[in-house]
Amino acid sequence: MHTDLWNHALALYARPGVETACLTLQALGGDVCLLLCGTWLQARRVAPDAQRIAALQLSAEPWQRDVVKPLRALRQQWREQALADPQLAVLREQVKRLELQAERTLLERLESLARTWPAGAGAGEDWLARLVPDQAQGHDALHQLRAAARQLQEAEDGA
């Protein structure tokens, strides 16, 4: 099992269909970093509860609002213009790298917060259902992310 959240997130995101599922959940209002953290906590068999969910959300929300989302908005705003302007394309790639670094920093903060939560008590409990917004409950993208996380865990466990 990946012991740190960043490597877990990279391994999961690289699985077929996960990027599309995450982008769909993001478009529905989901915080992909929180969802990836949820899959990591579930893999570690940490039990979800209201206090832990709230702590993760309180940690993630200001960073998403003040850092990640403005970088993402700028990158997306430049998408069309960058196709015709090579210099802007270079700047857009730099913003994209900053956005990824901001997401990595958020994952590191979430891991730091959750690292000491006891493992082993939450086998089978669904973090994703508690972290995804209402409009994404039951969505195919959520099912796809959940299935990919389960497959990754089974592969790591040697099942």
C-alpha atoms as a PDB file:
ATOM      1  CA  MET A   1       0.000   0.000   0.000  1.00  0.00           C
ATOM      2  CA  HIS A   2       1.166   3.519  -0.718  1.00  0.00           C
ATOM      3  CA  THR A   3       1.979   4.938   2.686  1.00  0.00           C
ATOM      4  CA  ASP A   4       1.696   8.581   1.684  1.00  0.00           C
ATOM      5  CA  LEU A   5      -1.287  10.334   0.182  1.00  0.00           C
ATOM      6  CA  TRP A   6       0.582  11.905  -2.750  1.00  0.00           C
ATOM      7  CA  ASN A   7       1.797   8.566  -4.132  1.00  0.00           C
ATOM      8  CA  HIS A   8      -1.605   6.994  -3.530  1.00  0.00           C
ATOM      9  CA  ALA A   9      -3.214   9.857  -5.455  1.00  0.00           C
ATOM     10  CA  LEU A  10      -0.755   9.508  -8.343  1.00  0.00           C
ATOM     11  CA  ALA A  11      -1.288   5.750  -8.578  1.00  0.00           C
ATOM     12  CA  LEU A  12      -5.068   6.080  -8.458  1.00  0.00           C
ATOM     13  CA  TYR A  13      -5.221   9.012 -10.902  1.00  0.00           C
ATOM     14  CA  ALA A  14      -3.151   7.013 -13.401  1.00  0.00           C
ATOM     15  CA  ARG A  15      -5.730   4.201 -13.524  1.00  0.00           C
ATOM     16  CA  PRO A  16      -8.019   4.074 -16.582  1.00  0.00           C
ATOM     17  CA  GLY A  17     -11.022   6.367 -16.320  1.00  0.00           C
ATOM     18  CA  VAL A  18     -10.051   8.011 -13.038  1.00  0.00           C
ATOM     19  CA  GLU A  19      -8.979  11.350 -14.501  1.00  0.00           C
ATOM     20  CA  THR A  20     -12.293  11.682 -16.365  1.00  0.00           C
ATOM     21  CA  ALA A  21     -14.257  10.611 -13.284  1.00  0.00           C
ATOM     22  CA  CYS A  22     -12.416  13.138 -11.107  1.00  0.00           C
ATOM     23  CA  LEU A  23     -12.963  15.967 -13.578  1.00  0.00           C
ATOM     24  CA  THR A  24     -16.661  15.089 -13.762  1.00  0.00           C
ATOM     25  CA  LEU A  25     -16.952  15.060  -9.972  1.00  0.00           C
ATOM     26  CA  GLN A  26     -15.073  18.373  -9.850  1.00  0.00           C
ATOM     27  CA  ALA A  27     -17.546  19.869 -12.348  1.00  0.00           C
ATOM     28  CA  LEU A  28     -20.339  18.700 -10.018  1.00  0.00           C
ATOM     29  CA  GLY A  29     -18.763  20.624  -7.131  1.00  0.00           C
ATOM     30  CA  GLY A  30     -16.544  17.914  -5.676  1.00  0.00           C
ATOM     31  CA  ASP A  31     -13.099  18.577  -4.261  1.00  0.00           C
ATOM     32  CA  VAL A  32     -10.856  16.047  -6.013  1.00  0.00           C
ATOM     33  CA  CYS A  33      -8.155  16.369  -3.360  1.00  0.00           C
ATOM     34  CA  LEU A  34     -10.681  15.505  -0.642  1.00  0.00           C
ATOM     35  CA  LEU A  35     -11.968  12.576  -2.679  1.00  0.00           C
ATOM     36  CA  LEU A  36      -8.452  11.235  -3.254  1.00  0.00           C
ATOM     37  CA  CYS A  37      -7.764  11.661   0.451  1.00  0.00           C
ATOM     38  CA  GLY A  38     -10.950   9.726   1.161  1.00  0.00           C
ATOM     39  CA  THR A  39      -9.798   6.818  -0.987  1.00  0.00           C
ATOM     40  CA  TRP A  40      -6.445   6.857   0.839  1.00  0.00           C
ATOM     41  CA  LEU A  41      -8.135   6.848   4.243  1.00  0.00           C
ATOM     42  CA  GLN A  42     -10.433   4.050   3.146  1.00  0.00           C
ATOM     43  CA  ALA A  43      -7.433   2.030   1.916  1.00  0.00           C
ATOM     44  CA  ARG A  44      -5.856   2.556   5.348  1.00  0.00           C
ATOM     45  CA  ARG A  45      -9.152   1.397   6.892  1.00  0.00           C
ATOM     46  CA  VAL A  46      -9.651   4.599   8.863  1.00  0.00           C
ATOM     47  CA  ALA A  47     -13.267   4.970   9.950  1.00  0.00           C
ATOM     48  CA  PRO A  48     -15.030   8.103   8.728  1.00  0.00           C
ATOM     49  CA  ASP A  49     -16.965  10.193  11.220  1.00  0.00           C
ATOM     50  CA  ALA A  50     -18.507  13.661  11.224  1.00  0.00           C
ATOM     51  CA  GLN A  51     -15.598  15.243  13.119  1.00  0.00           C
ATOM     52  CA  ARG A  52     -12.994  13.881  10.688  1.00  0.00           C
ATOM     53  CA  ILE A  53     -15.046  14.879   7.644  1.00  0.00           C
ATOM     54  CA  ALA A  54     -15.437  18.401   9.039  1.00  0.00           C
ATOM     55  CA  ALA A  55     -11.714  18.664   9.842  1.00  0.00           C
ATOM     56  CA  LEU A  56     -10.767  17.657   6.289  1.00  0.00           C
ATOM     57  CA  GLN A  57     -13.258  20.082   4.783  1.00  0.00           C
ATOM     58  CA  LEU A  58     -12.158  22.945   7.034  1.00  0.00           C
ATOM     59  CA  SER A  59      -8.564  22.333   6.030  1.00  0.00           C
ATOM     60  CA  ALA A  60      -9.248  22.015   2.304  1.00  0.00           C
ATOM     61  CA  GLU A  61     -11.818  24.723   1.644  1.00  0.00           C
ATOM     62  CA  PRO A  62      -9.712  27.882   2.173  1.00  0.00           C
ATOM     63  CA  TRP A  63      -6.768  26.471   0.191  1.00  0.00           C
ATOM     64  CA  GLN A  64      -9.041  25.422  -2.654  1.00  0.00           C
ATOM     65  CA  ARG A  65     -10.814  28.798  -2.664  1.00  0.00           C
ATOM     66  CA  ASP A  66      -7.763  31.042  -2.294  1.00  0.00           C
ATOM     67  CA  VAL A  67      -5.032  29.108  -4.119  1.00  0.00           C
ATOM     68  CA  VAL A  68      -6.095  26.192  -6.325  1.00  0.00           C
ATOM     69  CA  LYS A  69      -9.263  27.594  -7.903  1.00  0.00           C
ATOM     70  CA  PRO A  70      -7.728  30.956  -8.935  1.00  0.00           C
ATOM     71  CA  LEU A  71      -4.824  29.144 -10.604  1.00  0.00           C
ATOM     72  CA  ARG A  72      -7.230  26.751 -12.352  1.00  0.00           C
ATOM     73  CA  ALA A  73      -9.432  29.632 -13.508  1.00  0.00           C
ATOM     74  CA  LEU A  74      -6.459  31.486 -14.974  1.00  0.00           C
ATOM     75  CA  ARG A  75      -5.206  28.361 -16.745  1.00  0.00           C
ATOM     76  CA  GLN A  76      -8.649  27.665 -18.193  1.00  0.00           C
ATOM     77  CA  GLN A  77      -9.131  31.308 -19.176  1.00  0.00           C
ATOM     78  CA  TRP A  78      -5.961  31.168 -21.263  1.00  0.00           C
ATOM     79  CA  ARG A  79      -6.800  27.856 -22.995  1.00  0.00           C
ATOM     80  CA  GLU A  80      -8.015  29.230 -26.331  1.00  0.00           C
ATOM     81  CA  GLN A  81      -5.613  32.164 -26.532  1.00  0.00           C
ATOM     82  CA  ALA A  82      -2.628  29.934 -25.795  1.00  0.00           C
ATOM     83  CA  LEU A  83      -3.349  27.877 -28.911  1.00  0.00           C
ATOM     84  CA  ALA A  84      -2.386  30.854 -31.064  1.00  0.00           C
ATOM     85  CA  ASP A  85       0.189  32.476 -28.779  1.00  0.00           C
ATOM     86  CA  PRO A  86       3.304  30.390 -28.034  1.00  0.00           C
ATOM     87  CA  GLN A  87       4.475  32.734 -25.268  1.00  0.00           C
ATOM     88  CA  LEU A  88       1.122  32.561 -23.540  1.00  0.00           C
ATOM     89  CA  ALA A  89       1.211  28.764 -23.964  1.00  0.00           C
ATOM     90  CA  VAL A  90       4.481  28.698 -22.008  1.00  0.00           C
ATOM     91  CA  LEU A  91       2.986  30.831 -19.237  1.00  0.00           C
ATOM     92  CA  ARG A  92      -0.111  28.637 -19.188  1.00  0.00           C
ATOM     93  CA  GLU A  93       2.063  25.558 -18.663  1.00  0.00           C
ATOM     94  CA  GLN A  94       3.785  27.319 -15.769  1.00  0.00           C
ATOM     95  CA  VAL A  95       0.403  28.103 -14.215  1.00  0.00           C
ATOM     96  CA  LYS A  96      -0.576  24.453 -14.733  1.00  0.00           C
ATOM     97  CA  ARG A  97       2.538  23.350 -12.817  1.00  0.00           C
ATOM     98  CA  LEU A  98       1.704  25.814 -10.024  1.00  0.00           C
ATOM     99  CA  GLU A  99      -1.828  24.442  -9.865  1.00  0.00           C
ATOM    100  CA  LEU A 100      -0.482  20.897  -9.532  1.00  0.00           C
ATOM    101  CA  GLN A 101       1.956  22.022  -6.827  1.00  0.00           C
ATOM    102  CA  ALA A 102      -0.903  23.720  -4.977  1.00  0.00           C
ATOM    103  CA  GLU A 103      -2.905  20.483  -5.136  1.00  0.00           C
ATOM    104  CA  ARG A 104       0.099  18.524  -3.899  1.00  0.00           C
ATOM    105  CA  THR A 105       0.480  20.958  -1.000  1.00  0.00           C
ATOM    106  CA  LEU A 106      -3.183  20.484  -0.141  1.00  0.00           C
ATOM    107  CA  LEU A 107      -2.782  16.701  -0.194  1.00  0.00           C
ATOM    108  CA  GLU A 108       0.229  17.028   2.101  1.00  0.00           C
ATOM    109  CA  ARG A 109      -1.816  19.170   4.490  1.00  0.00           C
ATOM    110  CA  LEU A 110      -4.662  16.661   4.466  1.00  0.00           C
ATOM    111  CA  GLU A 111      -2.247  13.802   5.084  1.00  0.00           C
ATOM    112  CA  SER A 112      -0.657  15.668   7.974  1.00  0.00           C
ATOM    113  CA  LEU A 113      -4.075  16.201   9.512  1.00  0.00           C
ATOM    114  CA  ALA A 114      -5.193  12.587   9.095  1.00  0.00           C
ATOM    115  CA  ARG A 115      -1.891  10.718   9.559  1.00  0.00           C
ATOM    116  CA  THR A 116      -2.526   9.934  13.229  1.00  0.00           C
ATOM    117  CA  TRP A 117      -6.115   8.735  12.842  1.00  0.00           C
ATOM    118  CA  PRO A 118      -6.175   5.062  13.852  1.00  0.00           C
ATOM    119  CA  ALA A 119      -6.239   2.555  11.037  1.00  0.00           C
ATOM    120  CA  GLY A 120      -8.037  -0.747  11.011  1.00  0.00           C
ATOM    121  CA  ALA A 121     -11.364   0.260  12.505  1.00  0.00           C
ATOM    122  CA  GLY A 122     -13.084   1.421   9.325  1.00  0.00           C
ATOM    123  CA  ALA A 123     -12.909  -1.520   6.966  1.00  0.00           C
ATOM    124  CA  GLY A 124     -15.641  -1.252   4.372  1.00  0.00           C
ATOM    125  CA  GLU A 125     -16.874   2.196   5.367  1.00  0.00           C
ATOM    126  CA  ASP A 126     -17.364   4.593   2.462  1.00  0.00           C
ATOM    127  CA  TRP A 127     -15.474   7.872   2.718  1.00  0.00           C
ATOM    128  CA  LEU A 128     -16.477   8.934  -0.796  1.00  0.00           C
ATOM    129  CA  ALA A 129     -20.193   8.941   0.002  1.00  0.00           C
ATOM    130  CA  ARG A 130     -19.489  11.374   2.837  1.00  0.00           C
ATOM    131  CA  LEU A 131     -17.109  13.648   0.907  1.00  0.00           C
ATOM    132  CA  VAL A 132     -18.883  13.990  -2.435  1.00  0.00           C
ATOM    133  CA  PRO A 133     -21.498  16.750  -2.872  1.00  0.00           C
ATOM    134  CA  ASP A 134     -25.164  15.754  -2.989  1.00  0.00           C
ATOM    135  CA  GLN A 135     -25.439  16.374  -6.733  1.00  0.00           C
ATOM    136  CA  ALA A 136     -22.739  13.749  -7.353  1.00  0.00           C
ATOM    137  CA  GLN A 137     -24.262  11.028  -5.152  1.00  0.00           C
ATOM    138  CA  GLY A 138     -25.043   8.030  -7.324  1.00  0.00           C
ATOM    139  CA  HIS A 139     -23.271   9.499 -10.358  1.00  0.00           C
ATOM    140  CA  ASP A 140     -21.410   7.089 -12.650  1.00  0.00           C
ATOM    141  CA  ALA A 141     -18.192   9.064 -12.074  1.00  0.00           C
ATOM    142  CA  LEU A 142     -18.411   8.368  -8.347  1.00  0.00           C
ATOM    143  CA  HIS A 143     -18.956   4.667  -9.000  1.00  0.00           C
ATOM    144  CA  GLN A 144     -15.980   4.656 -11.364  1.00  0.00           C
ATOM    145  CA  LEU A 145     -13.699   6.345  -8.813  1.00  0.00           C
ATOM    146  CA  ARG A 146     -14.849   3.966  -6.091  1.00  0.00           C
ATOM    147  CA  ALA A 147     -14.248   0.907  -8.313  1.00  0.00           C
ATOM    148  CA  ALA A 148     -10.789   2.124  -9.380  1.00  0.00           C
ATOM    149  CA  ALA A 149      -9.823   2.756  -5.752  1.00  0.00           C
ATOM    150  CA  ARG A 150     -10.989  -0.734  -4.813  1.00  0.00           C
ATOM    151  CA  GLN A 151      -9.035  -2.275  -7.716  1.00  0.00           C
ATOM    152  CA  LEU A 152      -5.908  -0.351  -6.731  1.00  0.00           C
ATOM    153  CA  GLN A 153      -6.253  -1.550  -3.148  1.00  0.00           C
ATOM    154  CA  GLU A 154      -6.764  -5.141  -4.240  1.00  0.00           C
ATOM    155  CA  ALA A 155      -3.688  -4.927  -6.481  1.00  0.00           C
ATOM    156  CA  GLU A 156      -1.606  -3.528  -3.632  1.00  0.00           C
ATOM    157  CA  ASP A 157      -2.925  -6.109  -1.168  1.00  0.00           C
ATOM    158  CA  GLY A 158      -2.116  -8.868  -3.660  1.00  0.00           C
ATOM    159  CA  ALA A 159      -5.728 -10.054  -3.763  1.00  0.00           C
END
